[in-house]
Amino acid sequence: MKRGTSCRELRAATELDWWQKGLDTNDMAVLGMILRFLPSLQSLEVSDNPVGDTGMQAMCAGLGVGTASSLSVLNLAGNKFGPAGAEVLAAALGRGAMPKLEELKIYCNAIGSQGLTALAAPLRKMPALKRLLLNSCDTGDEGVASLVDNLGKNDFKKLEMLGLLDDNITDAGCAALASSLDTGGMPMIDKIVLASPYLGLEHLNNNEITDAVDAGANADYRSLAGKSVGAALERAKARRNA
């Protein structure tokens, strides 16, 4: 790859940071190939590159059981992919790639509810996942419902933070979140970052989204629906701490 990293350095790397490096489809294909041979890699930063759906397809095509077995943090934010890119990522996760993933950042990719619905099933089953950031992904109530409805006892069992800033979520999506929390879903959840123009909040730009995510802040729940999520979250915390 055109990143100036030797094969020996790659093999021993625990972190790779290729933010804003102009990665294209060919680069992503090589990345997908070498991920099978990086046993020590724990953090992969490939955000804000012109990857698109074809780049995601190129990276994910060969990923399967045991690929990137030590990876705990994956940042794919702002890579210009949509539902098709999310679907190939979902397929790779479903095949057993990245089994120790703790943090997945997909924000600022227009995957929509279609993409989130595809991701929901494998994400639920990831045993180590703690932070899932889906801000500004153009997802709506249907996508949220696919993520949190009818969770089993082993679904999202370690999830601590869910980011849904600046998505197209209305009262129905908030109701799905509140219902899931009240029925014991996401037992370790501590923060749900939620804001949407539909909930009476202003549109957030990319810098504001990043600042809010980095701060780990809960949203300012101004609507009744948003407040219902906040109240359900507090009840869930109280049960956990009882």
Protein backbone atom coordinates (compact mmCIF):
# COMPACT_ATOMS: atom_id res chain seq x y z
CA MET A 1 0.00 0.00 0.00
CA LYS A 2 1.08 3.57 -0.56
CA ARG A 3 1.40 4.38 3.12
CA GLY A 4 5.14 3.88 3.51
CA THR A 5 4.86 0.99 5.96
CA SER A 6 7.08 -2.06 5.55
CA CYS A 7 5.76 -5.62 5.75
CA ARG A 8 7.75 -6.23 8.93
CA GLU A 9 6.30 -3.12 10.56
CA LEU A 10 2.79 -4.13 9.54
CA ARG A 11 3.19 -7.61 10.96
CA ALA A 12 4.17 -6.23 14.38
CA ALA A 13 1.79 -3.26 14.43
CA THR A 14 -0.79 -2.89 17.18
CA GLU A 15 -2.22 0.34 15.72
CA LEU A 16 -2.59 1.60 12.16
CA ASP A 17 -3.71 5.18 11.51
CA TRP A 18 -4.62 5.89 7.89
CA TRP A 19 -7.00 8.82 8.48
CA GLN A 20 -7.44 11.02 5.42
CA LYS A 21 -4.85 9.14 3.37
CA GLY A 22 -6.84 9.00 0.14
CA LEU A 23 -7.41 5.24 0.35
CA ASP A 24 -9.19 3.96 -2.75
CA THR A 25 -10.70 0.64 -3.81
CA ASN A 26 -7.32 -0.91 -4.64
CA ASP A 27 -5.91 0.11 -1.26
CA MET A 28 -8.92 -1.37 0.52
CA ALA A 29 -8.52 -4.64 -1.36
CA VAL A 30 -4.91 -4.87 -0.16
CA LEU A 31 -6.02 -3.96 3.37
CA GLY A 32 -8.57 -6.76 3.33
CA MET A 33 -5.85 -9.19 2.25
CA ILE A 34 -3.25 -8.16 4.84
CA LEU A 35 -5.73 -8.11 7.73
CA ARG A 36 -5.50 -11.89 7.70
CA PHE A 37 -1.80 -11.63 8.57
CA LEU A 38 -1.80 -8.99 11.33
CA PRO A 39 -2.22 -10.97 14.55
CA SER A 40 -1.22 -8.10 16.85
CA LEU A 41 -3.40 -5.36 15.36
CA GLN A 42 -5.71 -3.83 17.97
CA SER A 43 -6.76 -0.50 16.44
CA LEU A 44 -7.45 0.34 12.80
CA GLU A 45 -8.19 3.96 11.80
CA VAL A 46 -9.23 4.32 8.16
CA SER A 47 -11.76 7.15 8.41
CA ASP A 48 -12.37 10.05 6.02
CA ASN A 49 -11.18 8.30 2.88
CA PRO A 50 -13.00 8.12 -0.50
CA VAL A 51 -13.71 4.43 0.02
CA GLY A 52 -17.34 4.12 -1.07
CA ASP A 53 -19.30 0.90 -1.45
CA THR A 54 -16.76 -0.59 -3.86
CA GLY A 55 -13.93 -0.01 -1.40
CA MET A 56 -15.90 -1.66 1.40
CA GLN A 57 -16.67 -4.59 -0.86
CA ALA A 58 -12.99 -4.91 -1.76
CA MET A 59 -11.93 -4.90 1.91
CA CYS A 60 -14.60 -7.21 3.25
CA ALA A 61 -14.77 -9.82 0.49
CA GLY A 62 -12.13 -12.12 1.97
CA LEU A 63 -12.71 -11.48 5.67
CA GLY A 64 -13.91 -14.48 7.66
CA VAL A 65 -13.39 -16.53 10.78
CA GLY A 66 -10.38 -15.36 12.75
CA THR A 67 -9.53 -12.38 10.55
CA ALA A 68 -8.13 -9.51 12.63
CA SER A 69 -8.51 -11.68 15.70
CA SER A 70 -7.03 -9.07 18.09
CA LEU A 71 -8.74 -5.98 16.65
CA SER A 72 -10.67 -4.06 19.29
CA VAL A 73 -11.22 -0.64 17.62
CA LEU A 74 -12.32 -0.04 14.01
CA ASN A 75 -13.01 3.45 12.66
CA LEU A 76 -14.74 3.59 9.28
CA ALA A 77 -16.33 7.02 9.76
CA GLY A 78 -16.78 9.37 6.82
CA ASN A 79 -15.81 6.83 4.17
CA LYS A 80 -18.66 7.65 1.78
CA PHE A 81 -20.31 4.25 1.74
CA GLY A 82 -23.99 3.45 1.87
CA PRO A 83 -26.26 0.44 2.39
CA ALA A 84 -24.23 -1.82 0.09
CA GLY A 85 -21.05 -1.09 2.04
CA ALA A 86 -22.81 -1.79 5.33
CA GLU A 87 -24.16 -5.07 3.97
CA VAL A 88 -20.72 -6.42 3.02
CA LEU A 89 -19.36 -5.39 6.43
CA ALA A 90 -22.29 -7.19 8.07
CA ALA A 91 -21.54 -10.31 6.03
CA ALA A 92 -17.88 -10.25 7.11
CA LEU A 93 -18.82 -9.87 10.77
CA GLY A 94 -21.36 -12.65 10.38
CA ARG A 95 -18.62 -14.92 9.05
CA GLY A 96 -16.64 -14.37 12.25
CA ALA A 97 -14.25 -11.57 11.33
CA MET A 98 -12.99 -9.26 14.09
CA PRO A 99 -14.41 -11.35 16.96
CA LYS A 100 -12.92 -9.17 19.72
CA LEU A 101 -14.17 -5.83 18.41
CA GLU A 102 -15.03 -3.46 21.28
CA GLU A 103 -15.60 -0.19 19.41
CA LEU A 104 -17.05 0.33 15.93
CA LYS A 105 -17.34 3.81 14.41
CA ILE A 106 -19.45 4.08 11.26
CA TYR A 107 -20.74 7.62 11.67
CA CYS A 108 -21.08 10.01 8.72
CA ASN A 109 -21.81 7.23 6.22
CA ALA A 110 -25.29 7.22 4.67
CA ILE A 111 -26.07 3.56 5.34
CA GLY A 112 -29.72 4.30 6.13
CA SER A 113 -32.12 1.91 7.80
CA GLN A 114 -31.36 -0.68 5.12
CA GLY A 115 -27.70 -0.77 6.06
CA LEU A 116 -28.36 -0.75 9.79
CA THR A 117 -30.87 -3.57 9.44
CA ALA A 118 -28.20 -5.65 7.71
CA LEU A 119 -25.68 -4.88 10.46
CA ALA A 120 -28.08 -5.44 13.35
CA ALA A 121 -27.95 -9.25 13.49
CA PRO A 122 -24.14 -9.68 13.56
CA LEU A 123 -23.63 -6.64 15.81
CA ARG A 124 -26.03 -8.03 18.42
CA LYS A 125 -23.95 -11.20 18.69
CA MET A 126 -20.51 -9.59 19.02
CA PRO A 127 -19.49 -10.63 22.53
CA ALA A 128 -17.00 -7.82 23.25
CA LEU A 129 -18.75 -4.82 21.63
CA LYS A 130 -18.91 -1.84 24.03
CA ARG A 131 -19.21 1.28 21.85
CA LEU A 132 -21.28 1.54 18.68
CA LEU A 133 -21.31 4.93 16.96
CA LEU A 134 -23.92 5.34 14.23
CA ASN A 135 -24.24 9.11 14.20
CA SER A 136 -25.27 10.89 11.00
CA CYS A 137 -25.88 7.61 9.18
CA ASP A 138 -29.26 8.62 7.73
CA THR A 139 -30.92 5.81 9.62
CA GLY A 140 -34.45 6.06 10.96
CA ASP A 141 -36.98 4.31 13.16
CA GLU A 142 -36.91 1.07 11.16
CA GLY A 143 -33.16 0.79 11.55
CA VAL A 144 -33.31 1.50 15.27
CA ALA A 145 -36.03 -1.11 15.72
CA SER A 146 -33.95 -3.72 13.89
CA LEU A 147 -31.11 -2.99 16.28
CA VAL A 148 -32.93 -3.12 19.62
CA ASP A 149 -36.25 -4.97 19.28
CA ASN A 150 -36.58 -8.39 20.94
CA LEU A 151 -33.02 -8.60 22.18
CA GLY A 152 -31.96 -11.97 23.57
CA LYS A 153 -30.04 -12.39 26.81
CA ASN A 154 -26.71 -12.61 24.96
CA ASP A 155 -27.38 -9.72 22.57
CA PHE A 156 -25.36 -6.54 23.17
CA LYS A 157 -24.40 -8.00 26.52
CA LYS A 158 -21.43 -5.64 26.96
CA LEU A 159 -22.65 -2.58 25.04
CA GLU A 160 -22.04 0.58 27.08
CA MET A 161 -22.55 3.38 24.56
CA LEU A 162 -24.83 3.77 21.54
CA GLY A 163 -24.43 6.85 19.34
CA LEU A 164 -27.43 7.96 17.25
CA LEU A 165 -26.76 11.67 16.89
CA ASP A 166 -28.23 13.50 13.92
CA ASP A 167 -30.14 10.53 12.50
CA ASN A 168 -33.75 10.49 11.26
CA ILE A 169 -35.23 9.14 14.47
CA THR A 170 -38.75 10.10 15.55
CA ASP A 171 -41.01 9.21 18.46
CA ALA A 172 -41.33 5.63 17.16
CA GLY A 173 -37.58 5.05 17.30
CA CYS A 174 -37.44 6.51 20.79
CA ALA A 175 -40.26 4.20 21.86
CA ALA A 176 -38.32 1.20 20.56
CA LEU A 177 -35.23 2.26 22.51
CA ALA A 178 -37.21 2.88 25.72
CA SER A 179 -39.06 -0.43 25.42
CA SER A 180 -35.82 -2.35 24.90
CA LEU A 181 -34.25 -0.73 27.95
CA ASP A 182 -37.30 -1.39 30.11
CA THR A 183 -37.35 -5.07 29.17
CA GLY A 184 -33.71 -5.62 30.06
CA GLY A 185 -32.09 -5.10 26.69
CA MET A 186 -28.50 -3.83 26.56
CA PRO A 187 -27.90 -4.63 30.25
CA MET A 188 -24.60 -2.72 30.51
CA ILE A 189 -25.66 0.41 28.61
CA ASP A 190 -24.54 3.66 30.20
CA LYS A 191 -24.97 6.27 27.46
CA ILE A 192 -27.28 6.71 24.49
CA VAL A 193 -26.27 9.77 22.50
CA LEU A 194 -29.46 10.78 20.73
CA ALA A 195 -30.39 13.92 18.81
CA SER A 196 -32.49 14.56 15.73
CA PRO A 197 -34.30 17.46 14.07
CA TYR A 198 -37.43 15.30 14.45
CA LEU A 199 -37.00 15.40 18.22
CA GLY A 200 -36.77 19.19 18.36
CA LEU A 201 -33.00 19.40 18.19
CA GLU A 202 -31.00 21.39 15.67
CA HIS A 203 -29.02 19.72 12.89
CA LEU A 204 -25.46 19.06 14.02
CA ASN A 205 -22.46 19.54 11.78
CA ASN A 206 -19.64 16.99 11.62
CA ASN A 207 -17.44 18.81 14.15
CA GLU A 208 -20.29 19.01 16.66
CA ILE A 209 -21.02 15.31 16.18
CA THR A 210 -17.37 14.45 16.78
CA ASP A 211 -17.19 16.68 19.86
CA ALA A 212 -20.31 15.11 21.35
CA VAL A 213 -19.11 11.58 20.66
CA ASP A 214 -15.65 12.27 22.07
CA ALA A 215 -17.21 13.74 25.20
CA GLY A 216 -19.47 10.72 25.54
CA ALA A 217 -22.30 13.10 26.36
CA ASN A 218 -25.93 12.16 26.64
CA ALA A 219 -28.19 14.26 24.46
CA ASP A 220 -30.24 17.15 25.73
CA TYR A 221 -33.60 15.37 25.52
CA ARG A 222 -35.99 18.18 24.64
CA SER A 223 -38.89 16.14 23.27
CA LEU A 224 -41.18 13.91 25.32
CA ALA A 225 -40.06 10.91 23.25
CA GLY A 226 -36.42 11.73 23.85
CA LYS A 227 -37.07 12.17 27.55
CA SER A 228 -38.68 8.72 27.62
CA VAL A 229 -35.38 7.22 26.45
CA GLY A 230 -33.47 9.18 29.09
CA ALA A 231 -35.87 8.01 31.80
CA ALA A 232 -35.67 4.38 30.65
CA LEU A 233 -31.87 4.62 30.64
CA GLU A 234 -31.87 5.87 34.21
CA ARG A 235 -34.20 3.03 35.25
CA ALA A 236 -31.86 0.53 33.61
CA LYS A 237 -28.89 1.96 35.48
CA ALA A 238 -30.81 1.84 38.75
CA ARG A 239 -31.66 -1.84 38.24
CA ARG A 240 -28.04 -2.63 37.45
CA ASN A 241 -26.80 -0.83 40.55
CA ALA A 242 -29.46 -2.16 42.92
